[in-house]
Amino acid sequence: MIQGARILVSAFILTLPSAVLAQEARKPTLTVSAGIGAKPEYEGADTYEPLPLLEFDHENRFIEVRSRGLGIEADFAPALTFQAGPLARYRGGRDDDVDNSAVAALSEVGESIELGAYIGGGAPLQRLGINDPGIVAGRLSFAHDVNEGHDGFLVEGSLSFIRPVTDDLKAIVSLSTSYASGRYMDAFFDVSAADSVASGLAPFSANAGFKDVGITGVIRYAFTDNWSAAFIGNYTRLVGDAADSSIVKQAGSPNQFFSGISINYKAF
């Protein structure tokens, strides 16, 4: 879940949208977030680079529109504890402008525009008969490249637990996993015979399958009704052919990390 902007904890986690947390009718809101994080240089890298964190979330009686990393999605579902809608996002490729000389010698992966949809929902644990003030939420998404970058698709799922520690402090833990198509795996983890000669990495052919599992932790503190800060940490472990690829085994790491901080402002 770390590659590119997908490692960003979404507007769901940064701003805790009322679709999950509020047990009241929707009313117009706008929250914006800005911050800085550090992410792997490319999927499977053991080197890191800074990443700006910019998010927004707007909700009214009829629709919620929010950014999610380098993408945007809409929620057309009328129920407070259920979300569903379309998504669109950008995914960077991989070129020769990377620190690792062996990976720089590999065939380039083009930039991708991914289109898809998601469903999700949340419920207070007390509504489920559990005497705890926390909230449990789940999400499942599908996105396919339409820009001939990796030319494949991803199915991503997550399960999150949100708990108020005090009136101003909330903690979030989220577990996630990703399933990648054969074309996605080919693009990011294959090493052809020609690439092997150019890079010195062992040839490798990756197949479709689950490519990672991850855990994210977030602490969100509200200074006022309008201002808050979020501290984010993520660990993702590449698995299956993603971890076995020589791009990862010889030139990178299956252990992928992300950390960041954001300041959030609720305009109304």
C-alpha atoms as a PDB file:
ATOM      1  CA  MET A   1       0.000   0.000   0.000  1.00  0.00           C
ATOM      2  CA  ILE A   2       2.981   2.308   0.122  1.00  0.00           C
ATOM      3  CA  GLN A   3       3.742   2.883  -3.561  1.00  0.00           C
ATOM      4  CA  GLY A   4       3.350   6.494  -4.640  1.00  0.00           C
ATOM      5  CA  ALA A   5       0.631   8.509  -3.040  1.00  0.00           C
ATOM      6  CA  ARG A   6      -1.312   5.398  -2.003  1.00  0.00           C
ATOM      7  CA  ILE A   7       0.655   5.305   1.235  1.00  0.00           C
ATOM      8  CA  LEU A   8      -1.108   8.509   2.240  1.00  0.00           C
ATOM      9  CA  VAL A   9      -3.672   7.946   4.918  1.00  0.00           C
ATOM     10  CA  SER A  10      -6.735   9.117   3.084  1.00  0.00           C
ATOM     11  CA  ALA A  11      -9.042  11.961   3.851  1.00  0.00           C
ATOM     12  CA  PHE A  12     -10.993   9.376   5.817  1.00  0.00           C
ATOM     13  CA  ILE A  13      -8.131   9.077   8.300  1.00  0.00           C
ATOM     14  CA  LEU A  14      -6.780  12.627   8.175  1.00  0.00           C
ATOM     15  CA  THR A  15     -10.066  14.378   8.684  1.00  0.00           C
ATOM     16  CA  LEU A  16     -12.310  11.649  10.122  1.00  0.00           C
ATOM     17  CA  PRO A  17     -15.276  12.490   7.890  1.00  0.00           C
ATOM     18  CA  SER A  18     -18.706  12.712   9.390  1.00  0.00           C
ATOM     19  CA  ALA A  19     -20.028   9.987   7.098  1.00  0.00           C
ATOM     20  CA  VAL A  20     -18.469   7.504   9.531  1.00  0.00           C
ATOM     21  CA  LEU A  21     -18.106   9.414  12.775  1.00  0.00           C
ATOM     22  CA  ALA A  22     -21.141  11.621  13.074  1.00  0.00           C
ATOM     23  CA  GLN A  23     -24.473  10.139  13.944  1.00  0.00           C
ATOM     24  CA  GLU A  24     -26.469  13.023  12.528  1.00  0.00           C
ATOM     25  CA  ALA A  25     -27.777  14.243   9.185  1.00  0.00           C
ATOM     26  CA  ARG A  26     -25.199  15.506   6.738  1.00  0.00           C
ATOM     27  CA  LYS A  27     -24.505  19.203   6.723  1.00  0.00           C
ATOM     28  CA  PRO A  28     -22.045  21.166   4.547  1.00  0.00           C
ATOM     29  CA  THR A  29     -18.433  20.871   5.702  1.00  0.00           C
ATOM     30  CA  LEU A  30     -15.016  21.628   4.218  1.00  0.00           C
ATOM     31  CA  THR A  31     -11.744  20.404   5.694  1.00  0.00           C
ATOM     32  CA  VAL A  32      -8.296  20.970   4.176  1.00  0.00           C
ATOM     33  CA  SER A  33      -5.023  19.361   5.248  1.00  0.00           C
ATOM     34  CA  ALA A  34      -1.373  20.095   4.492  1.00  0.00           C
ATOM     35  CA  GLY A  35       1.793  18.417   5.680  1.00  0.00           C
ATOM     36  CA  ILE A  36       4.945  16.525   4.786  1.00  0.00           C
ATOM     37  CA  GLY A  37       5.901  12.868   4.764  1.00  0.00           C
ATOM     38  CA  ALA A  38       8.630  10.474   3.669  1.00  0.00           C
ATOM     39  CA  LYS A  39       8.000   7.529   1.327  1.00  0.00           C
ATOM     40  CA  PRO A  40      10.009   4.883  -0.541  1.00  0.00           C
ATOM     41  CA  GLU A  41      11.547   6.175  -3.761  1.00  0.00           C
ATOM     42  CA  TYR A  42       9.677   3.462  -5.690  1.00  0.00           C
ATOM     43  CA  GLU A  43       7.821   0.295  -4.733  1.00  0.00           C
ATOM     44  CA  GLY A  44      10.359  -2.057  -3.187  1.00  0.00           C
ATOM     45  CA  ALA A  45      13.026   0.623  -2.659  1.00  0.00           C
ATOM     46  CA  ASP A  46      15.198   0.901   0.435  1.00  0.00           C
ATOM     47  CA  THR A  47      15.746   4.623  -0.161  1.00  0.00           C
ATOM     48  CA  TYR A  48      13.268   7.366   0.728  1.00  0.00           C
ATOM     49  CA  GLU A  49      12.165  10.768  -0.507  1.00  0.00           C
ATOM     50  CA  PRO A  50       9.943  13.576   0.830  1.00  0.00           C
ATOM     51  CA  LEU A  51       6.305  13.764  -0.193  1.00  0.00           C
ATOM     52  CA  PRO A  52       3.922  16.714   0.275  1.00  0.00           C
ATOM     53  CA  LEU A  53       0.653  15.795   1.961  1.00  0.00           C
ATOM     54  CA  LEU A  54      -2.289  17.771   0.604  1.00  0.00           C
ATOM     55  CA  GLU A  55      -5.874  16.694   1.240  1.00  0.00           C
ATOM     56  CA  PHE A  56      -9.383  18.101   1.195  1.00  0.00           C
ATOM     57  CA  ASP A  57     -12.826  16.839   2.134  1.00  0.00           C
ATOM     58  CA  HIS A  58     -16.089  18.563   1.184  1.00  0.00           C
ATOM     59  CA  GLU A  59     -19.480  17.233   2.178  1.00  0.00           C
ATOM     60  CA  ASN A  60     -23.042  18.427   1.720  1.00  0.00           C
ATOM     61  CA  ARG A  61     -26.492  16.866   1.894  1.00  0.00           C
ATOM     62  CA  PHE A  62     -26.116  15.033  -1.399  1.00  0.00           C
ATOM     63  CA  ILE A  63     -22.457  14.117  -1.942  1.00  0.00           C
ATOM     64  CA  GLU A  64     -19.032  13.990  -0.352  1.00  0.00           C
ATOM     65  CA  VAL A  65     -15.965  14.734  -2.496  1.00  0.00           C
ATOM     66  CA  ARG A  66     -12.502  14.151  -1.074  1.00  0.00           C
ATOM     67  CA  SER A  67      -8.928  13.818  -2.196  1.00  0.00           C
ATOM     68  CA  ARG A  68      -7.069  10.607  -1.525  1.00  0.00           C
ATOM     69  CA  GLY A  69      -3.367  10.977  -2.135  1.00  0.00           C
ATOM     70  CA  LEU A  70      -2.875  11.967  -5.773  1.00  0.00           C
ATOM     71  CA  GLY A  71      -6.478  11.191  -6.549  1.00  0.00           C
ATOM     72  CA  ILE A  72     -10.066  12.121  -5.917  1.00  0.00           C
ATOM     73  CA  GLU A  73     -13.214  10.208  -5.074  1.00  0.00           C
ATOM     74  CA  ALA A  74     -16.890  10.897  -4.488  1.00  0.00           C
ATOM     75  CA  ASP A  75     -19.377   9.374  -2.078  1.00  0.00           C
ATOM     76  CA  PHE A  76     -22.902   9.128  -3.446  1.00  0.00           C
ATOM     77  CA  ALA A  77     -24.239   6.790  -0.752  1.00  0.00           C
ATOM     78  CA  PRO A  78     -27.070   8.305   1.283  1.00  0.00           C
ATOM     79  CA  ALA A  79     -26.470   6.332   4.506  1.00  0.00           C
ATOM     80  CA  LEU A  80     -24.153   7.744   7.147  1.00  0.00           C
ATOM     81  CA  THR A  81     -22.478   4.409   7.821  1.00  0.00           C
ATOM     82  CA  PHE A  82     -21.972   3.396   4.179  1.00  0.00           C
ATOM     83  CA  GLN A  83     -19.882   4.973   1.433  1.00  0.00           C
ATOM     84  CA  ALA A  84     -19.664   4.097  -2.258  1.00  0.00           C
ATOM     85  CA  GLY A  85     -18.639   5.905  -5.402  1.00  0.00           C
ATOM     86  CA  PRO A  86     -16.106   6.399  -8.198  1.00  0.00           C
ATOM     87  CA  LEU A  87     -12.416   7.151  -7.824  1.00  0.00           C
ATOM     88  CA  ALA A  88      -9.651   8.489 -10.050  1.00  0.00           C
ATOM     89  CA  ARG A  89      -5.957   8.707  -9.181  1.00  0.00           C
ATOM     90  CA  TYR A  90      -2.463   9.189 -10.548  1.00  0.00           C
ATOM     91  CA  ARG A  91       0.337   6.695 -10.008  1.00  0.00           C
ATOM     92  CA  GLY A  92       3.920   7.530 -10.817  1.00  0.00           C
ATOM     93  CA  GLY A  93       6.024   5.080 -12.780  1.00  0.00           C
ATOM     94  CA  ARG A  94       9.703   4.242 -12.424  1.00  0.00           C
ATOM     95  CA  ASP A  95      12.536   5.614 -14.538  1.00  0.00           C
ATOM     96  CA  ASP A  96      16.318   5.911 -14.440  1.00  0.00           C
ATOM     97  CA  ASP A  97      16.219   8.829 -11.999  1.00  0.00           C
ATOM     98  CA  VAL A  98      16.565   6.628  -8.900  1.00  0.00           C
ATOM     99  CA  ASP A  99      19.436   6.163  -6.463  1.00  0.00           C
ATOM    100  CA  ASN A 100      19.952   2.464  -7.140  1.00  0.00           C
ATOM    101  CA  SER A 101      22.040   2.039 -10.306  1.00  0.00           C
ATOM    102  CA  ALA A 102      20.764  -1.476 -10.995  1.00  0.00           C
ATOM    103  CA  VAL A 103      17.113  -0.410 -10.843  1.00  0.00           C
ATOM    104  CA  ALA A 104      17.943   2.667 -12.932  1.00  0.00           C
ATOM    105  CA  ALA A 105      19.100   0.327 -15.712  1.00  0.00           C
ATOM    106  CA  LEU A 106      15.749  -1.496 -15.884  1.00  0.00           C
ATOM    107  CA  SER A 107      13.028  -0.809 -18.439  1.00  0.00           C
ATOM    108  CA  GLU A 108      11.006   2.227 -17.430  1.00  0.00           C
ATOM    109  CA  VAL A 109       7.437   1.992 -16.137  1.00  0.00           C
ATOM    110  CA  GLY A 110       5.129   4.702 -17.454  1.00  0.00           C
ATOM    111  CA  GLU A 111       2.861   6.935 -15.419  1.00  0.00           C
ATOM    112  CA  SER A 112      -0.643   5.608 -14.812  1.00  0.00           C
ATOM    113  CA  ILE A 113      -4.110   7.103 -14.507  1.00  0.00           C
ATOM    114  CA  GLU A 114      -6.293   4.703 -12.564  1.00  0.00           C
ATOM    115  CA  LEU A 115     -10.094   4.741 -12.624  1.00  0.00           C
ATOM    116  CA  GLY A 116     -12.327   2.622 -10.450  1.00  0.00           C
ATOM    117  CA  ALA A 117     -14.788   2.482  -7.603  1.00  0.00           C
ATOM    118  CA  TYR A 118     -14.953   1.713  -3.903  1.00  0.00           C
ATOM    119  CA  ILE A 119     -17.353   0.675  -1.182  1.00  0.00           C
ATOM    120  CA  GLY A 120     -16.914   1.129   2.541  1.00  0.00           C
ATOM    121  CA  GLY A 121     -18.670   1.683   5.792  1.00  0.00           C
ATOM    122  CA  GLY A 122     -18.341   2.019   9.523  1.00  0.00           C
ATOM    123  CA  ALA A 123     -20.296   1.497  12.697  1.00  0.00           C
ATOM    124  CA  PRO A 124     -19.874   2.297  16.394  1.00  0.00           C
ATOM    125  CA  LEU A 125     -18.915  -0.793  18.360  1.00  0.00           C
ATOM    126  CA  GLN A 126     -21.728  -0.053  20.790  1.00  0.00           C
ATOM    127  CA  ARG A 127     -24.181  -0.507  17.923  1.00  0.00           C
ATOM    128  CA  LEU A 128     -22.668  -3.956  17.445  1.00  0.00           C
ATOM    129  CA  GLY A 129     -23.255  -4.834  21.090  1.00  0.00           C
ATOM    130  CA  ILE A 130     -19.691  -4.129  22.256  1.00  0.00           C
ATOM    131  CA  ASN A 131     -19.283  -1.801  25.226  1.00  0.00           C
ATOM    132  CA  ASP A 132     -16.560   0.393  23.739  1.00  0.00           C
ATOM    133  CA  PRO A 133     -16.633   3.964  22.358  1.00  0.00           C
ATOM    134  CA  GLY A 134     -14.641   2.973  19.287  1.00  0.00           C
ATOM    135  CA  ILE A 135     -15.704   2.682  15.659  1.00  0.00           C
ATOM    136  CA  VAL A 136     -14.857  -0.074  13.194  1.00  0.00           C
ATOM    137  CA  ALA A 137     -14.711   0.693   9.466  1.00  0.00           C
ATOM    138  CA  GLY A 138     -13.955  -1.296   6.330  1.00  0.00           C
ATOM    139  CA  ARG A 139     -13.196  -0.441   2.711  1.00  0.00           C
ATOM    140  CA  LEU A 140     -12.742  -2.287  -0.596  1.00  0.00           C
ATOM    141  CA  SER A 141     -11.631  -0.619  -3.841  1.00  0.00           C
ATOM    142  CA  PHE A 142     -10.871  -1.536  -7.452  1.00  0.00           C
ATOM    143  CA  ALA A 143      -8.798   0.613  -9.820  1.00  0.00           C
ATOM    144  CA  HIS A 144      -7.560  -0.045 -13.382  1.00  0.00           C
ATOM    145  CA  ASP A 145      -4.914   1.870 -15.322  1.00  0.00           C
ATOM    146  CA  VAL A 146      -6.280   3.607 -18.431  1.00  0.00           C
ATOM    147  CA  ASN A 147      -3.068   5.401 -19.435  1.00  0.00           C
ATOM    148  CA  GLU A 148      -0.927   2.420 -20.534  1.00  0.00           C
ATOM    149  CA  GLY A 149       1.420   2.827 -17.580  1.00  0.00           C
ATOM    150  CA  HIS A 150       1.350  -0.490 -15.741  1.00  0.00           C
ATOM    151  CA  ASP A 151      -1.855  -1.348 -17.705  1.00  0.00           C
ATOM    152  CA  GLY A 152      -3.147  -3.530 -14.877  1.00  0.00           C
ATOM    153  CA  PHE A 153      -5.455  -3.302 -11.899  1.00  0.00           C
ATOM    154  CA  LEU A 154      -5.393  -3.326  -8.101  1.00  0.00           C
ATOM    155  CA  VAL A 155      -7.920  -4.505  -5.540  1.00  0.00           C
ATOM    156  CA  GLU A 156      -7.284  -2.987  -2.115  1.00  0.00           C
ATOM    157  CA  GLY A 157      -8.963  -3.724   1.197  1.00  0.00           C
ATOM    158  CA  SER A 158      -8.642  -2.269   4.673  1.00  0.00           C
ATOM    159  CA  LEU A 159     -10.129  -2.640   8.138  1.00  0.00           C
ATOM    160  CA  SER A 160      -9.787   0.263  10.567  1.00  0.00           C
ATOM    161  CA  PHE A 161     -10.442   0.815  14.252  1.00  0.00           C
ATOM    162  CA  ILE A 162     -11.002   4.394  15.415  1.00  0.00           C
ATOM    163  CA  ARG A 163     -11.092   5.195  19.114  1.00  0.00           C
ATOM    164  CA  PRO A 164     -11.382   8.442  21.055  1.00  0.00           C
ATOM    165  CA  VAL A 165      -8.744   8.628  23.787  1.00  0.00           C
ATOM    166  CA  THR A 166      -9.991  11.967  25.112  1.00  0.00           C
ATOM    167  CA  ASP A 167     -12.400  14.568  23.748  1.00  0.00           C
ATOM    168  CA  ASP A 168      -9.522  16.046  21.718  1.00  0.00           C
ATOM    169  CA  LEU A 169      -7.372  12.994  20.963  1.00  0.00           C
ATOM    170  CA  LYS A 170      -8.271  10.116  18.636  1.00  0.00           C
ATOM    171  CA  ALA A 171      -6.231   7.048  17.721  1.00  0.00           C
ATOM    172  CA  ILE A 172      -6.618   4.972  14.569  1.00  0.00           C
ATOM    173  CA  VAL A 173      -5.195   1.588  13.595  1.00  0.00           C
ATOM    174  CA  SER A 174      -5.765   0.282  10.071  1.00  0.00           C
ATOM    175  CA  LEU A 175      -4.856  -3.082   8.530  1.00  0.00           C
ATOM    176  CA  SER A 176      -4.631  -3.297   4.744  1.00  0.00           C
ATOM    177  CA  THR A 177      -3.748  -5.557   1.839  1.00  0.00           C
ATOM    178  CA  SER A 178      -3.483  -5.293  -1.960  1.00  0.00           C
ATOM    179  CA  TYR A 179      -4.093  -7.760  -4.788  1.00  0.00           C
ATOM    180  CA  ALA A 180      -2.343  -6.893  -8.073  1.00  0.00           C
ATOM    181  CA  SER A 181      -3.038  -8.147 -11.577  1.00  0.00           C
ATOM    182  CA  GLY A 182      -0.416  -9.857 -13.697  1.00  0.00           C
ATOM    183  CA  ARG A 183       0.220  -6.758 -15.793  1.00  0.00           C
ATOM    184  CA  TYR A 184       0.771  -4.608 -12.700  1.00  0.00           C
ATOM    185  CA  MET A 185       3.208  -7.168 -11.301  1.00  0.00           C
ATOM    186  CA  ASP A 186       4.964  -7.454 -14.673  1.00  0.00           C
ATOM    187  CA  ALA A 187       5.455  -3.700 -14.835  1.00  0.00           C
ATOM    188  CA  PHE A 188       6.898  -3.171 -11.363  1.00  0.00           C
ATOM    189  CA  PHE A 189       8.538  -6.496 -10.462  1.00  0.00           C
ATOM    190  CA  ASP A 190       9.531  -8.359 -13.669  1.00  0.00           C
ATOM    191  CA  VAL A 191      13.178  -8.496 -14.730  1.00  0.00           C
ATOM    192  CA  SER A 192      13.502  -9.598 -18.356  1.00  0.00           C
ATOM    193  CA  ALA A 193      16.589 -11.269 -19.799  1.00  0.00           C
ATOM    194  CA  ALA A 194      17.619  -7.958 -21.382  1.00  0.00           C
ATOM    195  CA  ASP A 195      17.011  -6.102 -18.114  1.00  0.00           C
ATOM    196  CA  SER A 196      19.080  -8.703 -16.286  1.00  0.00           C
ATOM    197  CA  VAL A 197      22.044  -8.122 -18.587  1.00  0.00           C
ATOM    198  CA  ALA A 198      21.727  -4.341 -18.254  1.00  0.00           C
ATOM    199  CA  SER A 199      21.250  -4.262 -14.489  1.00  0.00           C
ATOM    200  CA  GLY A 200      22.981  -7.318 -13.100  1.00  0.00           C
ATOM    201  CA  LEU A 201      19.763  -8.379 -11.364  1.00  0.00           C
ATOM    202  CA  ALA A 202      18.546 -11.958 -11.684  1.00  0.00           C
ATOM    203  CA  PRO A 203      15.762 -12.560 -14.230  1.00  0.00           C
ATOM    204  CA  PHE A 204      12.333 -12.783 -12.628  1.00  0.00           C
ATOM    205  CA  SER A 205       8.768 -13.232 -13.838  1.00  0.00           C
ATOM    206  CA  ALA A 206       6.074 -12.028 -11.444  1.00  0.00           C
ATOM    207  CA  ASN A 207       2.529 -13.362 -11.409  1.00  0.00           C
ATOM    208  CA  ALA A 208      -0.760 -11.893 -10.227  1.00  0.00           C
ATOM    209  CA  GLY A 209      -1.487 -12.199  -6.528  1.00  0.00           C
ATOM    210  CA  PHE A 210      -1.494 -10.479  -3.177  1.00  0.00           C
ATOM    211  CA  LYS A 211       1.506  -8.187  -3.131  1.00  0.00           C
ATOM    212  CA  ASP A 212       1.486  -6.575   0.314  1.00  0.00           C
ATOM    213  CA  VAL A 213       0.031  -6.355   3.801  1.00  0.00           C
ATOM    214  CA  GLY A 214       0.261  -3.258   5.949  1.00  0.00           C
ATOM    215  CA  ILE A 215      -0.556  -1.574   9.216  1.00  0.00           C
ATOM    216  CA  THR A 216      -1.123   2.144   9.690  1.00  0.00           C
ATOM    217  CA  GLY A 217      -1.311   4.100  12.918  1.00  0.00           C
ATOM    218  CA  VAL A 218      -2.617   7.646  13.250  1.00  0.00           C
ATOM    219  CA  ILE A 219      -2.873   9.990  16.198  1.00  0.00           C
ATOM    220  CA  ARG A 220      -5.121  13.008  15.642  1.00  0.00           C
ATOM    221  CA  TYR A 221      -5.247  15.863  18.133  1.00  0.00           C
ATOM    222  CA  ALA A 222      -7.783  18.699  17.916  1.00  0.00           C
ATOM    223  CA  PHE A 223      -6.433  22.019  19.164  1.00  0.00           C
ATOM    224  CA  THR A 224      -9.759  23.778  18.598  1.00  0.00           C
ATOM    225  CA  ASP A 225     -13.046  23.026  16.858  1.00  0.00           C
ATOM    226  CA  ASN A 226     -11.380  24.038  13.565  1.00  0.00           C
ATOM    227  CA  TRP A 227      -7.685  23.130  13.884  1.00  0.00           C
ATOM    228  CA  SER A 228      -6.120  19.712  14.379  1.00  0.00           C
ATOM    229  CA  ALA A 229      -2.906  17.796  13.672  1.00  0.00           C
ATOM    230  CA  ALA A 230      -2.398  14.205  12.525  1.00  0.00           C
ATOM    231  CA  PHE A 231       0.728  12.097  13.044  1.00  0.00           C
ATOM    232  CA  ILE A 232       0.936   9.145  10.657  1.00  0.00           C
ATOM    233  CA  GLY A 233       3.049   6.002  10.527  1.00  0.00           C
ATOM    234  CA  ASN A 234       2.751   3.080   8.116  1.00  0.00           C
ATOM    235  CA  TYR A 235       4.564  -0.228   7.722  1.00  0.00           C
ATOM    236  CA  THR A 236       3.943  -2.304   4.614  1.00  0.00           C
ATOM    237  CA  ARG A 237       5.459  -5.706   3.950  1.00  0.00           C
ATOM    238  CA  LEU A 238       5.741  -6.850   0.350  1.00  0.00           C
ATOM    239  CA  VAL A 239       4.701 -10.491  -0.014  1.00  0.00           C
ATOM    240  CA  GLY A 240       4.510 -13.161  -2.693  1.00  0.00           C
ATOM    241  CA  ASP A 241       6.177 -12.438  -6.016  1.00  0.00           C
ATOM    242  CA  ALA A 242       6.583  -8.779  -5.075  1.00  0.00           C
ATOM    243  CA  ALA A 243       8.910  -9.772  -2.234  1.00  0.00           C
ATOM    244  CA  ASP A 244      10.636 -12.497  -4.285  1.00  0.00           C
ATOM    245  CA  SER A 245      11.488 -10.208  -7.219  1.00  0.00           C
ATOM    246  CA  SER A 246      15.203  -9.549  -7.625  1.00  0.00           C
ATOM    247  CA  ILE A 247      14.319  -5.840  -7.752  1.00  0.00           C
ATOM    248  CA  VAL A 248      13.406  -6.197  -4.085  1.00  0.00           C
ATOM    249  CA  LYS A 249      15.658  -9.065  -2.953  1.00  0.00           C
ATOM    250  CA  GLN A 250      18.879  -7.798  -4.534  1.00  0.00           C
ATOM    251  CA  ALA A 251      18.342  -4.062  -4.868  1.00  0.00           C
ATOM    252  CA  GLY A 252      15.719  -3.041  -2.321  1.00  0.00           C
ATOM    253  CA  SER A 253      13.724  -4.207   0.674  1.00  0.00           C
ATOM    254  CA  PRO A 254      10.357  -5.888   1.278  1.00  0.00           C
ATOM    255  CA  ASN A 255       9.949  -3.646   4.328  1.00  0.00           C
ATOM    256  CA  GLN A 256       8.366  -0.359   3.305  1.00  0.00           C
ATOM    257  CA  PHE A 257       7.772   2.559   5.664  1.00  0.00           C
ATOM    258  CA  PHE A 258       5.949   5.857   5.597  1.00  0.00           C
ATOM    259  CA  SER A 259       5.708   8.611   8.187  1.00  0.00           C
ATOM    260  CA  GLY A 260       4.212  12.066   8.080  1.00  0.00           C
ATOM    261  CA  ILE A 261       2.520  14.909   9.855  1.00  0.00           C
ATOM    262  CA  SER A 262      -0.347  17.097   8.692  1.00  0.00           C
ATOM    263  CA  ILE A 263      -2.191  20.158   9.924  1.00  0.00           C
ATOM    264  CA  ASN A 264      -5.933  20.122   9.279  1.00  0.00           C
ATOM    265  CA  TYR A 265      -8.337  23.060   9.132  1.00  0.00           C
ATOM    266  CA  LYS A 266     -12.106  22.727   9.152  1.00  0.00           C
ATOM    267  CA  ALA A 267     -13.338  25.812   7.315  1.00  0.00           C
ATOM    268  CA  PHE A 268     -17.015  25.097   8.059  1.00  0.00           C
END
